[in-house]
Amino acid sequence: MVTDLFTTLEQKLELVLGQIAKLKEANAALQKSLGEKDQALKDAEMALAKVSQEREMIRQRIDKILNRLKIIDTGESA
């Protein structure tokens, strides 16, 4: 009778330990995935910043060109 209780306890303990091991593996996989997603987010943010910077430079160049055209247009009108 006592040995049956120990056997049942050992079985339950093995089951719990197995579940803990599986949860640790799942946690490690999730941590890895999170790290990869964080890196992908950082890469996307850097790409967005680069595109925004390029867009701003283009806008400034267009503004310069338009201002020069205004000067030429104003000079011809006078």
PDB file of N, CA and C in Angstrom:
ATOM      1  N   MET A   1       0.831  -1.190   0.000  1.00  0.00           N
ATOM      2  CA  MET A   1       0.000   0.000   0.000  1.00  0.00           C
ATOM      3  C   MET A   1       0.875   1.253   0.000  1.00  0.00           C
ATOM      4  N   VAL A   2       1.871   1.325   0.872  1.00  0.00           N
ATOM      5  CA  VAL A   2       2.756   2.476   0.937  1.00  0.00           C
ATOM      6  C   VAL A   2       3.574   2.562  -0.340  1.00  0.00           C
ATOM      7  N   THR A   3       3.993   1.427  -0.869  1.00  0.00           N
ATOM      8  CA  THR A   3       4.774   1.437  -2.108  1.00  0.00           C
ATOM      9  C   THR A   3       3.940   1.945  -3.267  1.00  0.00           C
ATOM     10  N   ASP A   4       2.650   1.657  -3.256  1.00  0.00           N
ATOM     11  CA  ASP A   4       1.764   2.177  -4.298  1.00  0.00           C
ATOM     12  C   ASP A   4       1.691   3.704  -4.234  1.00  0.00           C
ATOM     13  N   LEU A   5       1.654   4.247  -3.029  1.00  0.00           N
ATOM     14  CA  LEU A   5       1.626   5.700  -2.865  1.00  0.00           C
ATOM     15  C   LEU A   5       2.916   6.330  -3.386  1.00  0.00           C
ATOM     16  N   PHE A   6       4.049   5.686  -3.068  1.00  0.00           N
ATOM     17  CA  PHE A   6       5.320   6.199  -3.562  1.00  0.00           C
ATOM     18  C   PHE A   6       5.400   6.105  -5.090  1.00  0.00           C
ATOM     19  N   THR A   7       4.884   5.028  -5.619  1.00  0.00           N
ATOM     20  CA  THR A   7       4.881   4.854  -7.072  1.00  0.00           C
ATOM     21  C   THR A   7       4.025   5.934  -7.725  1.00  0.00           C
ATOM     22  N   THR A   8       2.864   6.181  -7.171  1.00  0.00           N
ATOM     23  CA  THR A   8       1.976   7.228  -7.691  1.00  0.00           C
ATOM     24  C   THR A   8       2.647   8.596  -7.576  1.00  0.00           C
ATOM     25  N   LEU A   9       3.271   8.852  -6.435  1.00  0.00           N
ATOM     26  CA  LEU A   9       3.965  10.114  -6.219  1.00  0.00           C
ATOM     27  C   LEU A   9       5.112  10.285  -7.216  1.00  0.00           C
ATOM     28  N   GLU A  10       5.888   9.224  -7.434  1.00  0.00           N
ATOM     29  CA  GLU A  10       6.990   9.281  -8.395  1.00  0.00           C
ATOM     30  C   GLU A  10       6.473   9.535  -9.810  1.00  0.00           C
ATOM     31  N   GLN A  11       5.378   8.907 -10.158  1.00  0.00           N
ATOM     32  CA  GLN A  11       4.795   9.109 -11.494  1.00  0.00           C
ATOM     33  C   GLN A  11       4.348  10.561 -11.677  1.00  0.00           C
ATOM     34  N   LYS A  12       3.703  11.081 -10.655  1.00  0.00           N
ATOM     35  CA  LYS A  12       3.245  12.472 -10.728  1.00  0.00           C
ATOM     36  C   LYS A  12       4.436  13.430 -10.775  1.00  0.00           C
ATOM     37  N   LEU A  13       5.467  13.119  -9.997  1.00  0.00           N
ATOM     38  CA  LEU A  13       6.664  13.948 -10.004  1.00  0.00           C
ATOM     39  C   LEU A  13       7.320  13.925 -11.384  1.00  0.00           C
ATOM     40  N   GLU A  14       7.429  12.773 -11.995  1.00  0.00           N
ATOM     41  CA  GLU A  14       8.000  12.661 -13.336  1.00  0.00           C
ATOM     42  C   GLU A  14       7.165  13.446 -14.349  1.00  0.00           C
ATOM     43  N   LEU A  15       5.860  13.375 -14.191  1.00  0.00           N
ATOM     44  CA  LEU A  15       4.968  14.116 -15.078  1.00  0.00           C
ATOM     45  C   LEU A  15       5.196  15.621 -14.939  1.00  0.00           C
ATOM     46  N   VAL A  16       5.279  16.093 -13.694  1.00  0.00           N
ATOM     47  CA  VAL A  16       5.505  17.516 -13.436  1.00  0.00           C
ATOM     48  C   VAL A  16       6.871  17.938 -13.963  1.00  0.00           C
ATOM     49  N   LEU A  17       7.896  17.141 -13.717  1.00  0.00           N
ATOM     50  CA  LEU A  17       9.234  17.463 -14.203  1.00  0.00           C
ATOM     51  C   LEU A  17       9.276  17.494 -15.736  1.00  0.00           C
ATOM     52  N   GLY A  18       8.554  16.579 -16.354  1.00  0.00           N
ATOM     53  CA  GLY A  18       8.466  16.576 -17.822  1.00  0.00           C
ATOM     54  C   GLY A  18       7.787  17.837 -18.339  1.00  0.00           C
ATOM     55  N   GLN A  19       6.734  18.244 -17.667  1.00  0.00           N
ATOM     56  CA  GLN A  19       6.032  19.469 -18.062  1.00  0.00           C
ATOM     57  C   GLN A  19       6.929  20.696 -17.872  1.00  0.00           C
ATOM     58  N   ILE A  20       7.691  20.713 -16.791  1.00  0.00           N
ATOM     59  CA  ILE A  20       8.607  21.825 -16.540  1.00  0.00           C
ATOM     60  C   ILE A  20       9.652  21.893 -17.653  1.00  0.00           C
ATOM     61  N   ALA A  21      10.188  20.752 -18.037  1.00  0.00           N
ATOM     62  CA  ALA A  21      11.186  20.719 -19.104  1.00  0.00           C
ATOM     63  C   ALA A  21      10.598  21.237 -20.413  1.00  0.00           C
ATOM     64  N   LYS A  22       9.377  20.807 -20.720  1.00  0.00           N
ATOM     65  CA  LYS A  22       8.719  21.282 -21.943  1.00  0.00           C
ATOM     66  C   LYS A  22       8.476  22.790 -21.894  1.00  0.00           C
ATOM     67  N   LEU A  23       8.055  23.275 -20.724  1.00  0.00           N
ATOM     68  CA  LEU A  23       7.816  24.712 -20.570  1.00  0.00           C
ATOM     69  C   LEU A  23       9.110  25.511 -20.703  1.00  0.00           C
ATOM     70  N   LYS A  24      10.216  24.961 -20.175  1.00  0.00           N
ATOM     71  CA  LYS A  24      11.505  25.639 -20.323  1.00  0.00           C
ATOM     72  C   LYS A  24      11.911  25.710 -21.794  1.00  0.00           C
ATOM     73  N   GLU A  25      11.694  24.627 -22.526  1.00  0.00           N
ATOM     74  CA  GLU A  25      12.011  24.617 -23.953  1.00  0.00           C
ATOM     75  C   GLU A  25      11.136  25.616 -24.708  1.00  0.00           C
ATOM     76  N   ALA A  26       9.854  25.627 -24.377  1.00  0.00           N
ATOM     77  CA  ALA A  26       8.937  26.568 -25.033  1.00  0.00           C
ATOM     78  C   ALA A  26       9.330  28.010 -24.701  1.00  0.00           C
ATOM     79  N   ASN A  27       9.712  28.242 -23.448  1.00  0.00           N
ATOM     80  CA  ASN A  27      10.129  29.581 -23.041  1.00  0.00           C
ATOM     81  C   ASN A  27      11.386  30.002 -23.803  1.00  0.00           C
ATOM     82  N   ALA A  28      12.338  29.096 -23.935  1.00  0.00           N
ATOM     83  CA  ALA A  28      13.571  29.404 -24.672  1.00  0.00           C
ATOM     84  C   ALA A  28      13.251  29.727 -26.129  1.00  0.00           C
ATOM     85  N   ALA A  29      12.347  28.963 -26.728  1.00  0.00           N
ATOM     86  CA  ALA A  29      11.956  29.226 -28.118  1.00  0.00           C
ATOM     87  C   ALA A  29      11.265  30.577 -28.239  1.00  0.00           C
ATOM     88  N   LEU A  30      10.422  30.903 -27.283  1.00  0.00           N
ATOM     89  CA  LEU A  30       9.743  32.200 -27.300  1.00  0.00           C
ATOM     90  C   LEU A  30      10.734  33.345 -27.104  1.00  0.00           C
ATOM     91  N   GLN A  31      11.703  33.156 -26.226  1.00  0.00           N
ATOM     92  CA  GLN A  31      12.723  34.184 -26.010  1.00  0.00           C
ATOM     93  C   GLN A  31      13.538  34.409 -27.279  1.00  0.00           C
ATOM     94  N   LYS A  32      13.868  33.320 -27.962  1.00  0.00           N
ATOM     95  CA  LYS A  32      14.615  33.435 -29.214  1.00  0.00           C
ATOM     96  C   LYS A  32      13.784  34.172 -30.259  1.00  0.00           C
ATOM     97  N   SER A  33      12.530  33.798 -30.368  1.00  0.00           N
ATOM     98  CA  SER A  33      11.632  34.447 -31.324  1.00  0.00           C
ATOM     99  C   SER A  33      11.474  35.928 -30.997  1.00  0.00           C
ATOM    100  N   LEU A  34      11.343  36.236 -29.728  1.00  0.00           N
ATOM    101  CA  LEU A  34      11.218  37.629 -29.305  1.00  0.00           C
ATOM    102  C   LEU A  34      12.475  38.419 -29.671  1.00  0.00           C
ATOM    103  N   GLY A  35      13.625  37.822 -29.453  1.00  0.00           N
ATOM    104  CA  GLY A  35      14.877  38.470 -29.816  1.00  0.00           C
ATOM    105  C   GLY A  35      14.956  38.740 -31.310  1.00  0.00           C
ATOM    106  N   GLU A  36      14.531  37.767 -32.107  1.00  0.00           N
ATOM    107  CA  GLU A  36      14.539  37.936 -33.560  1.00  0.00           C
ATOM    108  C   GLU A  36      13.569  39.036 -33.979  1.00  0.00           C
ATOM    109  N   LYS A  37      12.416  39.062 -33.366  1.00  0.00           N
ATOM    110  CA  LYS A  37      11.423  40.089 -33.701  1.00  0.00           C
ATOM    111  C   LYS A  37      11.898  41.468 -33.260  1.00  0.00           C
ATOM    112  N   ASP A  38      12.551  41.548 -32.104  1.00  0.00           N
ATOM    113  CA  ASP A  38      13.119  42.820 -31.660  1.00  0.00           C
ATOM    114  C   ASP A  38      14.156  43.325 -32.661  1.00  0.00           C
ATOM    115  N   GLN A  39      15.002  42.412 -33.135  1.00  0.00           N
ATOM    116  CA  GLN A  39      16.018  42.807 -34.106  1.00  0.00           C
ATOM    117  C   GLN A  39      15.373  43.246 -35.414  1.00  0.00           C
ATOM    118  N   ALA A  40      14.342  42.523 -35.847  1.00  0.00           N
ATOM    119  CA  ALA A  40      13.634  42.901 -37.071  1.00  0.00           C
ATOM    120  C   ALA A  40      12.991  44.279 -36.911  1.00  0.00           C
ATOM    121  N   LEU A  41      12.448  44.550 -35.736  1.00  0.00           N
ATOM    122  CA  LEU A  41      11.846  45.862 -35.472  1.00  0.00           C
ATOM    123  C   LEU A  41      12.906  46.957 -35.522  1.00  0.00           C
ATOM    124  N   LYS A  42      14.063  46.704 -34.907  1.00  0.00           N
ATOM    125  CA  LYS A  42      15.144  47.689 -34.943  1.00  0.00           C
ATOM    126  C   LYS A  42      15.597  47.944 -36.383  1.00  0.00           C
ATOM    127  N   ASP A  43      15.702  46.868 -37.156  1.00  0.00           N
ATOM    128  CA  ASP A  43      16.099  47.015 -38.557  1.00  0.00           C
ATOM    129  C   ASP A  43      15.069  47.836 -39.331  1.00  0.00           C
ATOM    130  N   ALA A  44      13.801  47.565 -39.085  1.00  0.00           N
ATOM    131  CA  ALA A  44      12.734  48.307 -39.765  1.00  0.00           C
ATOM    132  C   ALA A  44      12.741  49.778 -39.345  1.00  0.00           C
ATOM    133  N   GLU A  45      12.974  50.038 -38.067  1.00  0.00           N
ATOM    134  CA  GLU A  45      13.033  51.423 -37.594  1.00  0.00           C
ATOM    135  C   GLU A  45      14.212  52.159 -38.228  1.00  0.00           C
ATOM    136  N   MET A  46      15.348  51.481 -38.364  1.00  0.00           N
ATOM    137  CA  MET A  46      16.504  52.102 -38.995  1.00  0.00           C
ATOM    138  C   MET A  46      16.223  52.386 -40.473  1.00  0.00           C
ATOM    139  N   ALA A  47      15.569  51.437 -41.147  1.00  0.00           N
ATOM    140  CA  ALA A  47      15.225  51.641 -42.554  1.00  0.00           C
ATOM    141  C   ALA A  47      14.254  52.804 -42.704  1.00  0.00           C
ATOM    142  N   LEU A  48      13.284  52.880 -41.819  1.00  0.00           N
ATOM    143  CA  LEU A  48      12.318  53.976 -41.859  1.00  0.00           C
ATOM    144  C   LEU A  48      13.011  55.314 -41.619  1.00  0.00           C
ATOM    145  N   ALA A  49      13.926  55.350 -40.668  1.00  0.00           N
ATOM    146  CA  ALA A  49      14.657  56.591 -40.399  1.00  0.00           C
ATOM    147  C   ALA A  49      15.471  56.998 -41.620  1.00  0.00           C
ATOM    148  N   LYS A  50      16.076  56.026 -42.280  1.00  0.00           N
ATOM    149  CA  LYS A  50      16.863  56.324 -43.481  1.00  0.00           C
ATOM    150  C   LYS A  50      15.970  56.870 -44.589  1.00  0.00           C
ATOM    151  N   VAL A  51      14.824  56.245 -44.789  1.00  0.00           N
ATOM    152  CA  VAL A  51      13.894  56.706 -45.819  1.00  0.00           C
ATOM    153  C   VAL A  51      13.389  58.106 -45.483  1.00  0.00           C
ATOM    154  N   SER A  52      13.090  58.349 -44.229  1.00  0.00           N
ATOM    155  CA  SER A  52      12.620  59.679 -43.816  1.00  0.00           C
ATOM    156  C   SER A  52      13.694  60.729 -44.050  1.00  0.00           C
ATOM    157  N   GLN A  53      14.924  60.376 -43.736  1.00  0.00           N
ATOM    158  CA  GLN A  53      16.031  61.306 -43.951  1.00  0.00           C
ATOM    159  C   GLN A  53      16.208  61.586 -45.447  1.00  0.00           C
ATOM    160  N   GLU A  54      16.147  60.542 -46.254  1.00  0.00           N
ATOM    161  CA  GLU A  54      16.274  60.729 -47.704  1.00  0.00           C
ATOM    162  C   GLU A  54      15.128  61.585 -48.237  1.00  0.00           C
ATOM    163  N   ARG A  55      13.935  61.340 -47.759  1.00  0.00           N
ATOM    164  CA  ARG A  55      12.774  62.116 -48.192  1.00  0.00           C
ATOM    165  C   ARG A  55      12.943  63.595 -47.835  1.00  0.00           C
ATOM    166  N   GLU A  56      13.464  63.856 -46.644  1.00  0.00           N
ATOM    167  CA  GLU A  56      13.687  65.235 -46.219  1.00  0.00           C
ATOM    168  C   GLU A  56      14.742  65.907 -47.102  1.00  0.00           C
ATOM    169  N   MET A  57      15.794  65.177 -47.432  1.00  0.00           N
ATOM    170  CA  MET A  57      16.823  65.739 -48.310  1.00  0.00           C
ATOM    171  C   MET A  57      16.245  66.052 -49.695  1.00  0.00           C
ATOM    172  N   ILE A  58      15.424  65.163 -50.200  1.00  0.00           N
ATOM    173  CA  ILE A  58      14.789  65.385 -51.508  1.00  0.00           C
ATOM    174  C   ILE A  58      13.867  66.593 -51.447  1.00  0.00           C
ATOM    175  N   ARG A  59      13.099  66.701 -50.366  1.00  0.00           N
ATOM    176  CA  ARG A  59      12.207  67.847 -50.210  1.00  0.00           C
ATOM    177  C   ARG A  59      12.994  69.156 -50.201  1.00  0.00           C
ATOM    178  N   GLN A  60      14.110  69.165 -49.498  1.00  0.00           N
ATOM    179  CA  GLN A  60      14.943  70.363 -49.442  1.00  0.00           C
ATOM    180  C   GLN A  60      15.506  70.713 -50.821  1.00  0.00           C
ATOM    181  N   ARG A  61      15.924  69.711 -51.561  1.00  0.00           N
ATOM    182  CA  ARG A  61      16.454  69.969 -52.901  1.00  0.00           C
ATOM    183  C   ARG A  61      15.370  70.504 -53.827  1.00  0.00           C
ATOM    184  N   ILE A  62      14.173  69.937 -53.710  1.00  0.00           N
ATOM    185  CA  ILE A  62      13.049  70.421 -54.533  1.00  0.00           C
ATOM    186  C   ILE A  62      12.719  71.865 -54.164  1.00  0.00           C
ATOM    187  N   ASP A  63      12.724  72.164 -52.859  1.00  0.00           N
ATOM    188  CA  ASP A  63      12.473  73.547 -52.421  1.00  0.00           C
ATOM    189  C   ASP A  63      13.513  74.502 -52.998  1.00  0.00           C
ATOM    190  N   LYS A  64      14.782  74.097 -52.992  1.00  0.00           N
ATOM    191  CA  LYS A  64      15.832  74.939 -53.569  1.00  0.00           C
ATOM    192  C   LYS A  64      15.585  75.182 -55.053  1.00  0.00           C
ATOM    193  N   ILE A  65      15.254  74.110 -55.763  1.00  0.00           N
ATOM    194  CA  ILE A  65      14.993  74.231 -57.202  1.00  0.00           C
ATOM    195  C   ILE A  65      13.816  75.153 -57.459  1.00  0.00           C
ATOM    196  N   LEU A  66      12.739  74.975 -56.691  1.00  0.00           N
ATOM    197  CA  LEU A  66      11.558  75.828 -56.861  1.00  0.00           C
ATOM    198  C   LEU A  66      11.887  77.287 -56.561  1.00  0.00           C
ATOM    199  N   ASN A  67      12.675  77.514 -55.526  1.00  0.00           N
ATOM    200  CA  ASN A  67      13.073  78.891 -55.200  1.00  0.00           C
ATOM    201  C   ASN A  67      13.915  79.493 -56.319  1.00  0.00           C
ATOM    202  N   ARG A  68      14.797  78.713 -56.890  1.00  0.00           N
ATOM    203  CA  ARG A  68      15.600  79.215 -58.007  1.00  0.00           C
ATOM    204  C   ARG A  68      14.715  79.523 -59.215  1.00  0.00           C
ATOM    205  N   LEU A  69      13.714  78.668 -59.448  1.00  0.00           N
ATOM    206  CA  LEU A  69      12.791  78.918 -60.553  1.00  0.00           C
ATOM    207  C   LEU A  69      11.975  80.185 -60.304  1.00  0.00           C
ATOM    208  N   LYS A  70      11.613  80.428 -59.047  1.00  0.00           N
ATOM    209  CA  LYS A  70      10.868  81.648 -58.715  1.00  0.00           C
ATOM    210  C   LYS A  70      11.730  82.873 -59.002  1.00  0.00           C
ATOM    211  N   ILE A  71      13.003  82.790 -58.656  1.00  0.00           N
ATOM    212  CA  ILE A  71      13.911  83.906 -58.897  1.00  0.00           C
ATOM    213  C   ILE A  71      14.035  84.166 -60.400  1.00  0.00           C
ATOM    214  N   ILE A  72      14.172  83.068 -61.164  1.00  0.00           N
ATOM    215  CA  ILE A  72      14.270  83.221 -62.624  1.00  0.00           C
ATOM    216  C   ILE A  72      12.982  83.806 -63.180  1.00  0.00           C
ATOM    217  N   ASP A  73      11.840  83.298 -62.711  1.00  0.00           N
ATOM    218  CA  ASP A  73      10.543  83.784 -63.183  1.00  0.00           C
ATOM    219  C   ASP A  73      10.353  85.247 -62.804  1.00  0.00           C
ATOM    220  N   THR A  74      10.735  85.604 -61.599  1.00  0.00           N
ATOM    221  CA  THR A  74      10.596  86.991 -61.140  1.00  0.00           C
ATOM    222  C   THR A  74      11.549  87.899 -61.929  1.00  0.00           C
ATOM    223  N   GLY A  75      12.728  87.432 -62.232  1.00  0.00           N
ATOM    224  CA  GLY A  75      13.684  88.221 -63.000  1.00  0.00           C
ATOM    225  C   GLY A  75      13.205  88.473 -64.416  1.00  0.00           C
ATOM    226  N   GLU A  76      12.546  87.514 -65.028  1.00  0.00           N
ATOM    227  CA  GLU A  76      12.054  87.674 -66.396  1.00  0.00           C
ATOM    228  C   GLU A  76      10.825  88.569 -66.428  1.00  0.00           C
ATOM    229  N   SER A  77      10.042  88.573 -65.347  1.00  0.00           N
ATOM    230  CA  SER A  77       8.829  89.376 -65.320  1.00  0.00           C
ATOM    231  C   SER A  77       9.139  90.867 -65.179  1.00  0.00           C
ATOM    232  N   ALA A  78      10.258  91.182 -64.520  1.00  0.00           N
ATOM    233  CA  ALA A  78      10.568  92.596 -64.247  1.00  0.00           C
ATOM    234  C   ALA A  78      11.079  93.329 -65.414  1.00  0.00           C
TER     235      ALA A  78
END
